[in-house]
Amino acid sequence: MKDFWAEGLQNHRKSKIIKAVFLWTIVLIIVIMVILYIIYYNNMSFRSWCDENIIKKEILQEDVNTIEIGRDENVQVYAYDKYICVLSKKTLNFYNRLGTKIDSIEIDILNAEFTSMGRYLAICEKNGQKFYLISDREILFENTTEGNIAQINVNRNGFVSILISNTTYESVVKVFDKTGEEIFRTNLVNSRVVDISVSQDSKYLAIAEVDISGIIIKSNIMIVSFEIAMTNSDEAIIYKYEAPTGKLITNINYQDKNKLICMFDDSIGILEGENYSELLQYNENLAFITIGLNNSVALVEENSTGEYTSDTTVSIINTNNRKAKQYHTNNVAKAILTYSNKIAINFGTEMHIIGTNGILIKKYISNSEINDVVMTDNLIAIVYSDNIAIVNY
């Protein structure tokens, strides 16, 4: 009996030791993973080494799916939602992320201007009169307008806004709902509209204009209420922000929570309601600036490291908390492209796709120079002379 109880006690102690060892092993693994994550997130050199040797974020041109296009055909390529669209001879062909053709529709456009948001794609004839709204490979409406379409936009609820030139007015702005019904129109006589943007909740339209009636540059931003515009377009402008004299407005973009990001020739600011605040001013080393992100702006700065060499730093500033993240590389950027919360940086024969947290998502290595690129939140497509390479995130 004594040996039995002693053996039971010994087994109980062994069991407790095994459980304790197991528990402490789990805790140690979690602690190590947290430490490695913190180092990965904050140490660029360690992060680059992990991306290349452990996580394997690098992808080669010969390893991706492709779409074959005729070398001599006049084609235009665009990406939206989960599709890659190829326009050729007034036929818009839809391909999936594997490069398989899944559908096609006929549109009466030869030279297209594309814009998209979410599941909506708007297309117009470049400097022409015809435009379309498409959702998930179906035409919701087609329409024509007087004058020439200088710009077309669509928001995530399917509201289409167009900027028209070459009419009896200096600029005309029209807004249509997803059925094609015109809900707002404004004519500007003495000013030139440089950009328009519709809020994500489809409540407001922002119009950035430059007053050309005087000698001194005068930039203004008008906020239009859709609700009022539907009943009385003459009273639809609910607020007008007048920028300091001499500042030239170049771009505007509505982000979440109705923040209007305003890009001037020397700074970026945020207009929330009737409150304007400056986010940042530029320095002379900036190569590219973009405000086309969900809740961030990005600035690309080049710094010389030698007689013939430079490196690139991408600074991504969150427009909610104004905190900055950075991505650094020893290459020189040729161009950048943005969509939602992703940034694609073209370095010639390399394409780096990063998030707004400054972390590399994918690095694409090309066998030849990268010239034309299109992207969505799901994929990026690199357009060559005879094929399209598809990189999925």
Protein backbone atom coordinates (compact mmCIF):
# COMPACT_ATOMS: atom_id res chain seq x y z
CA MET A 1 0.00 0.00 0.00
CA LYS A 2 2.88 2.33 0.87
CA ASP A 3 4.58 1.73 -2.48
CA PHE A 4 1.30 2.34 -4.29
CA TRP A 5 0.73 5.76 -2.69
CA ALA A 6 4.39 6.72 -3.18
CA GLU A 7 4.24 5.81 -6.84
CA GLY A 8 1.00 7.79 -7.27
CA LEU A 9 2.52 10.85 -5.60
CA GLN A 10 5.60 10.57 -7.79
CA ASN A 11 3.47 10.36 -10.95
CA HIS A 12 1.45 13.37 -9.81
CA ARG A 13 4.65 15.37 -9.31
CA LYS A 14 5.92 14.31 -12.75
CA SER A 15 2.62 15.36 -14.30
CA LYS A 16 2.81 18.80 -12.65
CA ILE A 17 6.43 19.22 -13.82
CA ILE A 18 5.50 18.26 -17.41
CA LYS A 19 2.56 20.71 -17.37
CA ALA A 20 4.75 23.48 -15.96
CA VAL A 21 7.48 22.83 -18.55
CA PHE A 22 4.89 22.83 -21.33
CA LEU A 23 3.31 26.03 -20.04
CA TRP A 24 6.64 27.85 -19.71
CA THR A 25 7.67 26.64 -23.17
CA ILE A 26 4.51 28.18 -24.64
CA VAL A 27 5.11 31.42 -22.73
CA LEU A 28 8.75 31.51 -23.90
CA ILE A 29 7.71 30.97 -27.53
CA ILE A 30 5.14 33.78 -27.27
CA VAL A 31 7.71 36.13 -25.69
CA ILE A 32 10.26 35.32 -28.42
CA MET A 33 7.63 35.88 -31.15
CA VAL A 34 6.63 39.24 -29.63
CA ILE A 35 10.29 40.32 -29.37
CA LEU A 36 10.96 39.26 -32.98
CA TYR A 37 7.82 41.08 -34.15
CA ILE A 38 8.88 44.27 -32.37
CA ILE A 39 12.39 44.03 -33.86
CA TYR A 40 10.94 43.23 -37.31
CA TYR A 41 8.56 46.18 -37.15
CA ASN A 42 11.13 48.73 -35.92
CA ASN A 43 14.45 47.57 -37.41
CA MET A 44 14.57 48.09 -41.20
CA SER A 45 17.73 45.99 -41.73
CA PHE A 46 16.35 43.01 -39.80
CA ARG A 47 13.01 43.39 -41.59
CA SER A 48 14.66 43.39 -45.03
CA TRP A 49 16.68 40.26 -44.13
CA CYS A 50 13.54 38.43 -42.93
CA ASP A 51 11.53 39.47 -45.99
CA GLU A 52 14.19 38.10 -48.32
CA ASN A 53 15.39 34.97 -46.47
CA ILE A 54 12.52 33.77 -44.26
CA ILE A 55 9.15 35.13 -45.39
CA LYS A 56 10.14 34.95 -49.08
CA LYS A 57 8.23 38.05 -50.21
CA GLU A 58 10.22 38.28 -53.44
CA ILE A 59 8.54 37.03 -56.62
CA LEU A 60 10.09 36.72 -60.10
CA GLN A 61 8.49 37.56 -63.43
CA GLU A 62 8.72 33.96 -64.65
CA ASP A 63 6.77 32.72 -61.60
CA VAL A 64 3.55 34.74 -62.10
CA ASN A 65 0.43 34.20 -64.23
CA THR A 66 0.20 36.26 -67.43
CA ILE A 67 -2.38 37.47 -69.94
CA GLU A 68 -1.25 37.45 -73.55
CA ILE A 69 -2.03 40.58 -75.58
CA GLY A 70 -1.23 41.31 -79.22
CA ARG A 71 2.00 43.25 -79.60
CA ASP A 72 0.56 45.37 -82.43
CA GLU A 73 -2.94 45.84 -80.98
CA ASN A 74 -4.01 49.17 -79.50
CA VAL A 75 -5.05 47.99 -76.02
CA GLN A 76 -5.67 49.72 -72.71
CA VAL A 77 -5.38 47.90 -69.39
CA TYR A 78 -7.08 48.72 -66.09
CA ALA A 79 -7.68 46.84 -62.83
CA TYR A 80 -10.63 47.19 -60.47
CA ASP A 81 -12.18 45.09 -57.71
CA LYS A 82 -11.02 41.52 -58.51
CA TYR A 83 -10.68 41.98 -62.28
CA ILE A 84 -8.12 42.98 -64.86
CA CYS A 85 -9.82 44.76 -67.77
CA VAL A 86 -8.38 44.91 -71.28
CA LEU A 87 -10.04 47.33 -73.73
CA SER A 88 -9.45 46.57 -77.40
CA LYS A 89 -11.53 47.53 -80.44
CA LYS A 90 -14.46 48.74 -78.28
CA THR A 91 -14.58 45.43 -76.38
CA LEU A 92 -13.86 45.39 -72.65
CA ASN A 93 -12.52 41.95 -71.66
CA PHE A 94 -12.53 40.79 -68.02
CA TYR A 95 -9.82 38.49 -66.60
CA ASN A 96 -9.56 36.97 -63.14
CA ARG A 97 -6.47 36.97 -60.93
CA LEU A 98 -5.28 33.72 -62.57
CA GLY A 99 -5.24 35.36 -66.01
CA THR A 100 -8.33 33.53 -67.30
CA LYS A 101 -10.79 35.46 -69.46
CA ILE A 102 -14.24 35.26 -67.83
CA ASP A 103 -16.40 37.82 -69.63
CA SER A 104 -16.56 40.70 -72.13
CA ILE A 105 -18.89 43.61 -72.89
CA GLU A 106 -19.16 46.05 -75.78
CA ILE A 107 -18.66 49.76 -75.11
CA ASP A 108 -18.57 52.59 -77.65
CA ILE A 109 -15.19 53.97 -76.53
CA LEU A 110 -11.84 53.86 -78.29
CA ASN A 111 -9.58 55.94 -76.03
CA ALA A 112 -10.73 55.43 -72.44
CA GLU A 113 -10.25 57.20 -69.13
CA PHE A 114 -10.86 54.80 -66.20
CA THR A 115 -11.69 55.34 -62.53
CA SER A 116 -13.01 52.94 -59.89
CA MET A 117 -13.96 52.52 -56.26
CA GLY A 118 -14.93 49.19 -54.75
CA ARG A 119 -17.20 47.30 -57.13
CA TYR A 120 -17.91 50.29 -59.40
CA LEU A 121 -15.99 51.16 -62.56
CA ALA A 122 -16.60 54.41 -64.47
CA ILE A 123 -15.27 54.86 -68.01
CA CYS A 124 -15.38 57.84 -70.33
CA GLU A 125 -14.01 58.70 -73.75
CA LYS A 126 -10.88 60.76 -73.10
CA ASN A 127 -11.82 64.39 -73.86
CA GLY A 128 -15.08 63.06 -75.33
CA GLN A 129 -18.79 63.09 -74.43
CA LYS A 130 -19.70 59.46 -73.65
CA PHE A 131 -19.35 57.73 -70.26
CA TYR A 132 -20.41 54.46 -68.59
CA LEU A 133 -20.90 53.05 -65.09
CA ILE A 134 -20.14 49.34 -64.69
CA SER A 135 -20.59 47.05 -61.70
CA ASP A 136 -19.38 43.46 -61.63
CA ARG A 137 -19.11 43.13 -65.44
CA GLU A 138 -22.55 44.69 -66.10
CA ILE A 139 -23.30 48.13 -67.55
CA LEU A 140 -25.54 50.02 -65.12
CA PHE A 141 -25.95 52.98 -67.44
CA GLU A 142 -24.38 54.86 -70.34
CA ASN A 143 -24.78 58.56 -71.00
CA THR A 144 -23.47 61.49 -73.03
CA THR A 145 -22.92 65.12 -72.16
CA GLU A 146 -22.16 68.39 -73.93
CA GLY A 147 -18.57 69.64 -73.99
CA ASN A 148 -15.56 67.44 -73.30
CA ILE A 149 -15.10 65.29 -70.19
CA ALA A 150 -11.87 66.42 -68.52
CA GLN A 151 -12.21 64.21 -65.44
CA ILE A 152 -14.43 61.42 -64.16
CA ASN A 153 -14.76 60.01 -60.62
CA VAL A 154 -16.88 57.41 -58.85
CA ASN A 155 -17.31 56.69 -55.14
CA ARG A 156 -18.03 53.42 -53.34
CA ASN A 157 -21.81 54.01 -53.56
CA GLY A 158 -21.78 54.43 -57.34
CA PHE A 159 -22.15 58.23 -57.56
CA VAL A 160 -20.39 59.46 -60.72
CA SER A 161 -19.01 63.00 -60.91
CA ILE A 162 -17.66 64.48 -64.13
CA LEU A 163 -15.78 67.67 -64.90
CA ILE A 164 -16.63 69.18 -68.29
CA SER A 165 -14.68 71.73 -70.34
CA ASN A 166 -15.13 73.47 -73.69
CA THR A 167 -18.64 74.79 -73.02
CA THR A 168 -19.97 78.34 -72.73
CA TYR A 169 -18.71 78.21 -69.11
CA GLU A 170 -15.12 77.90 -67.91
CA SER A 171 -15.97 74.63 -66.11
CA VAL A 172 -19.09 72.51 -65.52
CA VAL A 173 -19.44 69.85 -62.82
CA LYS A 174 -22.20 67.21 -62.94
CA VAL A 175 -23.08 64.39 -60.54
CA PHE A 176 -25.12 61.28 -61.41
CA ASP A 177 -26.46 58.49 -59.21
CA LYS A 178 -25.94 54.82 -60.09
CA THR A 179 -29.11 54.78 -62.22
CA GLY A 180 -27.71 57.53 -64.45
CA GLU A 181 -30.01 60.27 -63.15
CA GLU A 182 -28.38 63.71 -62.93
CA ILE A 183 -28.74 65.02 -59.36
CA PHE A 184 -26.49 68.06 -59.42
CA ARG A 185 -24.94 70.53 -61.82
CA THR A 186 -22.91 73.68 -61.29
CA ASN A 187 -21.54 76.15 -63.85
CA LEU A 188 -18.40 78.13 -63.06
CA VAL A 189 -17.82 81.26 -65.13
CA ASN A 190 -14.63 82.87 -63.80
CA SER A 191 -12.77 79.92 -62.29
CA ARG A 192 -11.13 76.73 -63.47
CA VAL A 193 -11.90 73.48 -61.65
CA VAL A 194 -8.73 71.48 -61.02
CA ASP A 195 -10.20 68.50 -59.11
CA ILE A 196 -13.44 67.06 -57.72
CA SER A 197 -14.14 64.40 -55.08
CA VAL A 198 -17.29 62.77 -53.65
CA SER A 199 -17.37 61.79 -49.97
CA GLN A 200 -17.49 58.08 -49.18
CA ASP A 201 -20.94 58.40 -47.58
CA SER A 202 -22.22 60.17 -50.73
CA LYS A 203 -23.35 63.23 -48.78
CA TYR A 204 -20.90 65.82 -50.13
CA LEU A 205 -19.13 66.85 -53.30
CA ALA A 206 -15.92 68.88 -53.01
CA ILE A 207 -14.86 71.13 -55.89
CA ALA A 208 -11.35 72.61 -55.98
CA GLU A 209 -11.17 75.71 -58.15
CA VAL A 210 -8.62 78.35 -59.08
CA ASP A 211 -9.91 81.87 -59.65
CA ILE A 212 -8.43 83.12 -62.94
CA SER A 213 -10.23 86.46 -63.06
CA GLY A 214 -7.38 88.39 -61.37
CA ILE A 215 -3.59 88.60 -61.48
CA ILE A 216 -2.95 86.85 -58.13
CA ILE A 217 -3.62 83.12 -57.70
CA LYS A 218 -6.69 82.44 -55.58
CA SER A 219 -7.67 78.87 -54.69
CA ASN A 220 -11.04 77.90 -53.25
CA ILE A 221 -12.74 74.67 -52.20
CA MET A 222 -16.54 74.46 -52.37
CA ILE A 223 -18.51 71.83 -50.45
CA VAL A 224 -21.82 70.80 -52.03
CA SER A 225 -24.61 69.00 -50.14
CA PHE A 226 -26.22 66.21 -52.18
CA GLU A 227 -29.38 66.36 -50.06
CA ILE A 228 -29.91 70.04 -50.83
CA ALA A 229 -28.78 69.66 -54.46
CA MET A 230 -31.57 67.17 -55.15
CA THR A 231 -34.22 69.81 -54.38
CA ASN A 232 -32.48 73.17 -54.90
CA SER A 233 -29.14 73.17 -56.72
CA ASP A 234 -28.82 76.96 -56.34
CA GLU A 235 -28.51 76.57 -52.54
CA ALA A 236 -26.43 73.37 -52.58
CA ILE A 237 -23.03 74.97 -51.84
CA ILE A 238 -22.96 74.88 -48.01
CA TYR A 239 -19.37 75.98 -47.39
CA LYS A 240 -16.52 77.65 -49.28
CA TYR A 241 -12.94 77.52 -48.03
CA GLU A 242 -10.71 80.30 -49.35
CA ALA A 243 -7.03 79.40 -49.25
CA PRO A 244 -4.40 82.08 -48.48
CA THR A 245 -3.50 84.21 -51.50
CA GLY A 246 -0.80 82.68 -53.66
CA LYS A 247 -1.42 79.02 -52.70
CA LEU A 248 -2.26 76.84 -55.71
CA ILE A 249 -4.61 73.90 -55.11
CA THR A 250 -3.65 70.83 -57.19
CA ASN A 251 -5.60 67.83 -55.84
CA ILE A 252 -8.31 66.91 -53.34
CA ASN A 253 -9.45 63.53 -52.03
CA TYR A 254 -12.18 62.53 -49.58
CA GLN A 255 -11.01 59.94 -47.07
CA ASP A 256 -12.96 58.18 -44.32
CA LYS A 257 -15.05 60.21 -41.84
CA ASN A 258 -15.49 62.94 -44.49
CA LYS A 259 -11.92 64.20 -44.15
CA LEU A 260 -11.08 66.15 -47.30
CA ILE A 261 -7.34 66.01 -47.99
CA CYS A 262 -6.22 69.16 -49.82
CA MET A 263 -2.94 69.18 -51.74
CA PHE A 264 -1.41 72.57 -52.57
CA ASP A 265 1.79 73.43 -54.40
CA ASP A 266 3.65 73.76 -51.07
CA SER A 267 1.66 71.84 -48.45
CA ILE A 268 -1.08 69.34 -47.57
CA GLY A 269 -4.01 70.19 -45.32
CA ILE A 270 -7.20 68.59 -43.97
CA LEU A 271 -10.65 70.15 -44.25
CA GLU A 272 -13.14 68.65 -41.78
CA GLY A 273 -16.48 70.40 -41.91
CA GLU A 274 -15.54 74.08 -41.75
CA ASN A 275 -12.25 73.45 -39.92
CA TYR A 276 -9.01 73.51 -41.93
CA SER A 277 -5.67 72.42 -40.47
CA GLU A 278 -2.27 72.02 -42.11
CA LEU A 279 -0.85 68.50 -42.09
CA LEU A 280 2.62 69.16 -43.49
CA GLN A 281 4.78 71.32 -45.74
CA TYR A 282 7.07 69.99 -48.45
CA ASN A 283 10.84 70.04 -48.70
CA GLU A 284 12.92 70.30 -51.86
CA ASN A 285 13.96 66.61 -51.94
CA LEU A 286 10.46 65.24 -52.58
CA ALA A 287 10.16 63.21 -55.79
CA PHE A 288 6.51 62.13 -55.49
CA ILE A 289 3.50 63.01 -53.34
CA THR A 290 0.15 61.21 -53.24
CA ILE A 291 -3.07 61.72 -51.29
CA GLY A 292 -4.91 58.83 -53.01
CA LEU A 293 -5.04 56.54 -49.96
CA ASN A 294 -7.77 55.66 -47.47
CA ASN A 295 -6.44 57.35 -44.34
CA SER A 296 -2.90 58.37 -45.22
CA VAL A 297 -0.73 60.49 -47.47
CA ALA A 298 2.62 59.35 -48.84
CA LEU A 299 5.76 61.29 -49.73
CA VAL A 300 8.74 59.88 -51.62
CA GLU A 301 12.08 61.52 -50.87
CA GLU A 302 15.34 60.88 -52.71
CA ASN A 303 18.71 61.43 -51.03
CA SER A 304 22.06 61.32 -52.80
CA THR A 305 24.46 58.72 -51.42
CA GLY A 306 27.24 59.24 -53.95
CA GLU A 307 28.11 60.80 -57.27
CA TYR A 308 25.80 58.47 -59.22
CA THR A 309 23.74 56.82 -56.49
CA SER A 310 20.68 57.73 -54.41
CA ASP A 311 18.33 56.02 -52.02
CA THR A 312 14.60 56.42 -51.46
CA THR A 313 12.56 56.95 -48.30
CA VAL A 314 8.78 56.66 -48.39
CA SER A 315 7.08 58.49 -45.50
CA ILE A 316 3.47 57.48 -44.86
CA ILE A 317 1.54 59.87 -42.61
CA ASN A 318 -1.72 58.75 -41.01
CA THR A 319 -4.28 61.53 -41.41
CA ASN A 320 -6.18 60.43 -38.29
CA ASN A 321 -3.38 60.51 -35.70
CA ARG A 322 -0.70 62.25 -37.84
CA LYS A 323 1.87 59.58 -36.96
CA ALA A 324 4.42 58.62 -39.63
CA LYS A 325 5.81 55.28 -40.81
CA GLN A 326 8.75 54.90 -43.18
CA TYR A 327 9.97 52.49 -45.83
CA HIS A 328 13.60 52.76 -46.95
CA THR A 329 15.41 51.26 -49.95
CA ASN A 330 18.67 51.84 -51.79
CA ASN A 331 16.95 52.21 -55.18
CA VAL A 332 15.71 55.31 -57.01
CA ALA A 333 11.95 55.48 -57.60
CA LYS A 334 10.61 56.06 -61.13
CA ALA A 335 6.94 56.32 -60.16
CA ILE A 336 4.41 55.40 -57.48
CA LEU A 337 0.85 54.12 -57.66
CA THR A 338 -1.65 53.84 -54.80
CA TYR A 339 -4.91 52.10 -54.07
CA SER A 340 -6.79 51.96 -50.76
CA ASN A 341 -4.06 51.12 -48.21
CA LYS A 342 -1.37 49.90 -50.58
CA ILE A 343 1.49 51.70 -52.36
CA ALA A 344 3.37 50.34 -55.39
CA ILE A 345 6.81 51.85 -56.02
CA ASN A 346 8.37 51.38 -59.45
CA PHE A 347 12.18 51.15 -59.37
CA GLY A 348 12.62 50.27 -63.05
CA THR A 349 13.11 46.50 -62.96
CA GLU A 350 11.72 46.11 -59.44
CA MET A 351 8.27 46.83 -58.03
CA HIS A 352 7.88 47.10 -54.25
CA ILE A 353 4.33 46.87 -52.87
CA ILE A 354 4.05 48.18 -49.30
CA GLY A 355 1.25 48.84 -46.84
CA THR A 356 0.52 52.13 -45.12
CA ASN A 357 2.24 50.63 -42.05
CA GLY A 358 5.53 50.82 -43.96
CA ILE A 359 5.85 47.02 -44.25
CA LEU A 360 6.78 45.31 -47.53
CA ILE A 361 3.97 43.12 -48.90
CA LYS A 362 5.59 41.90 -52.13
CA LYS A 363 8.72 42.59 -54.15
CA TYR A 364 8.38 41.86 -57.88
CA ILE A 365 11.54 41.37 -59.96
CA SER A 366 11.15 42.00 -63.69
CA ASN A 367 13.33 40.83 -66.58
CA SER A 368 12.82 44.15 -68.37
CA GLU A 369 11.91 47.75 -67.64
CA ILE A 370 8.54 48.28 -65.93
CA ASN A 371 6.58 51.08 -67.58
CA ASP A 372 2.82 50.68 -67.15
CA VAL A 373 1.22 49.39 -63.91
CA VAL A 374 -2.39 49.07 -62.71
CA MET A 375 -3.55 47.90 -59.29
CA THR A 376 -6.46 47.19 -56.95
CA ASP A 377 -6.66 46.17 -53.31
CA ASN A 378 -6.31 42.53 -54.41
CA LEU A 379 -3.71 42.50 -57.17
CA ILE A 380 -1.24 44.45 -59.27
CA ALA A 381 -0.74 44.02 -63.01
CA ILE A 382 2.45 44.96 -64.88
CA VAL A 383 1.78 45.73 -68.54
CA TYR A 384 4.44 44.74 -71.08
CA SER A 385 4.31 45.08 -74.86
CA ASP A 386 2.87 41.59 -75.44
CA ASN A 387 1.60 40.36 -72.05
CA ILE A 388 0.36 41.37 -68.61
CA ALA A 389 2.04 39.92 -65.49
CA ILE A 390 -0.29 39.42 -62.50
CA VAL A 391 0.98 39.72 -58.93
CA ASN A 392 -1.51 38.66 -56.25
CA TYR A 393 -1.11 39.88 -52.68
